[in-house]
């Protein structure tokens, strides 16, 4: 379990680094990814984190 948690933490850290990188401005309407798609990904990530916390026995 500890190894899986360490791998997950490393993956989240890599995602944070990538998300912090500057992105070029799109030429069209100012949005490179539709907001609905971003929200759907965020919702899935929140659900995954909640399941992980439940599996690890954490309350919050």
C-alpha atoms as a PDB file:
ATOM      1  CA  UNK A   1       0.000   0.000   0.000  1.00  0.00           C
ATOM      2  CA  UNK A   2       2.847   2.370   0.820  1.00  0.00           C
ATOM      3  CA  UNK A   3       4.423   1.866  -2.583  1.00  0.00           C
ATOM      4  CA  UNK A   4       1.114   2.544  -4.359  1.00  0.00           C
ATOM      5  CA  UNK A   5       0.630   5.717  -2.339  1.00  0.00           C
ATOM      6  CA  UNK A   6       4.164   6.889  -3.181  1.00  0.00           C
ATOM      7  CA  UNK A   7       3.538   6.268  -6.890  1.00  0.00           C
ATOM      8  CA  UNK A   8       0.257   8.188  -6.722  1.00  0.00           C
ATOM      9  CA  UNK A   9       1.909  11.116  -4.948  1.00  0.00           C
ATOM     10  CA  UNK A  10       4.659  11.198  -7.584  1.00  0.00           C
ATOM     11  CA  UNK A  11       2.067  11.180 -10.373  1.00  0.00           C
ATOM     12  CA  UNK A  12       0.136  14.041  -8.786  1.00  0.00           C
ATOM     13  CA  UNK A  13       3.363  16.006  -8.381  1.00  0.00           C
ATOM     14  CA  UNK A  14       4.159  15.505 -12.093  1.00  0.00           C
ATOM     15  CA  UNK A  15       0.653  16.710 -12.984  1.00  0.00           C
ATOM     16  CA  UNK A  16       1.116  19.809 -10.820  1.00  0.00           C
ATOM     17  CA  UNK A  17       4.421  20.614 -12.544  1.00  0.00           C
ATOM     18  CA  UNK A  18       2.883  20.207 -15.988  1.00  0.00           C
ATOM     19  CA  UNK A  19      -0.172  22.289 -15.046  1.00  0.00           C
ATOM     20  CA  UNK A  20       2.081  25.115 -13.834  1.00  0.00           C
ATOM     21  CA  UNK A  21       3.874  25.424 -17.169  1.00  0.00           C
ATOM     22  CA  UNK A  22       2.909  28.437 -19.275  1.00  0.00           C
ATOM     23  CA  UNK A  23       0.716  27.599 -22.220  1.00  0.00           C
ATOM     24  CA  UNK A  24       0.566  29.454 -25.532  1.00  0.00           C
ATOM     25  CA  UNK A  25      -2.515  31.549 -26.092  1.00  0.00           C
ATOM     26  CA  UNK A  26      -4.964  29.894 -28.488  1.00  0.00           C
ATOM     27  CA  UNK A  27      -5.679  31.788 -31.673  1.00  0.00           C
ATOM     28  CA  UNK A  28      -9.459  31.334 -31.628  1.00  0.00           C
ATOM     29  CA  UNK A  29     -11.825  32.048 -28.728  1.00  0.00           C
ATOM     30  CA  UNK A  30      -9.337  32.197 -25.843  1.00  0.00           C
ATOM     31  CA  UNK A  31     -10.077  28.706 -24.510  1.00  0.00           C
ATOM     32  CA  UNK A  32      -7.846  25.801 -25.454  1.00  0.00           C
ATOM     33  CA  UNK A  33     -10.029  23.249 -23.637  1.00  0.00           C
ATOM     34  CA  UNK A  34     -13.771  23.673 -23.137  1.00  0.00           C
ATOM     35  CA  UNK A  35     -14.671  24.528 -19.538  1.00  0.00           C
ATOM     36  CA  UNK A  36     -17.139  21.631 -19.353  1.00  0.00           C
ATOM     37  CA  UNK A  37     -14.360  19.196 -20.198  1.00  0.00           C
ATOM     38  CA  UNK A  38     -12.070  20.685 -17.551  1.00  0.00           C
ATOM     39  CA  UNK A  39     -14.866  20.466 -14.977  1.00  0.00           C
ATOM     40  CA  UNK A  40     -15.536  16.823 -15.868  1.00  0.00           C
ATOM     41  CA  UNK A  41     -11.857  15.975 -15.361  1.00  0.00           C
ATOM     42  CA  UNK A  42     -11.793  17.850 -12.040  1.00  0.00           C
ATOM     43  CA  UNK A  43     -14.904  15.997 -10.873  1.00  0.00           C
ATOM     44  CA  UNK A  44     -13.376  12.628 -11.756  1.00  0.00           C
ATOM     45  CA  UNK A  45     -10.177  13.530  -9.931  1.00  0.00           C
ATOM     46  CA  UNK A  46     -12.156  14.555  -6.833  1.00  0.00           C
ATOM     47  CA  UNK A  47     -14.045  11.234  -6.928  1.00  0.00           C
ATOM     48  CA  UNK A  48     -10.789   9.303  -7.287  1.00  0.00           C
ATOM     49  CA  UNK A  49      -9.236  11.142  -4.343  1.00  0.00           C
ATOM     50  CA  UNK A  50     -12.337  10.456  -2.211  1.00  0.00           C
ATOM     51  CA  UNK A  51     -12.158   6.734  -3.046  1.00  0.00           C
ATOM     52  CA  UNK A  52      -8.447   6.668  -2.212  1.00  0.00           C
ATOM     53  CA  UNK A  53      -9.054   8.380   1.111  1.00  0.00           C
ATOM     54  CA  UNK A  54     -11.826   5.901   1.912  1.00  0.00           C
ATOM     55  CA  UNK A  55      -9.558   2.985   1.025  1.00  0.00           C
ATOM     56  CA  UNK A  56      -6.822   4.388   3.269  1.00  0.00           C
ATOM     57  CA  UNK A  57      -9.278   5.002   6.094  1.00  0.00           C
ATOM     58  CA  UNK A  58      -8.947   8.775   6.123  1.00  0.00           C
ATOM     59  CA  UNK A  59     -11.923  10.907   7.142  1.00  0.00           C
ATOM     60  CA  UNK A  60     -11.274  13.890   4.883  1.00  0.00           C
END
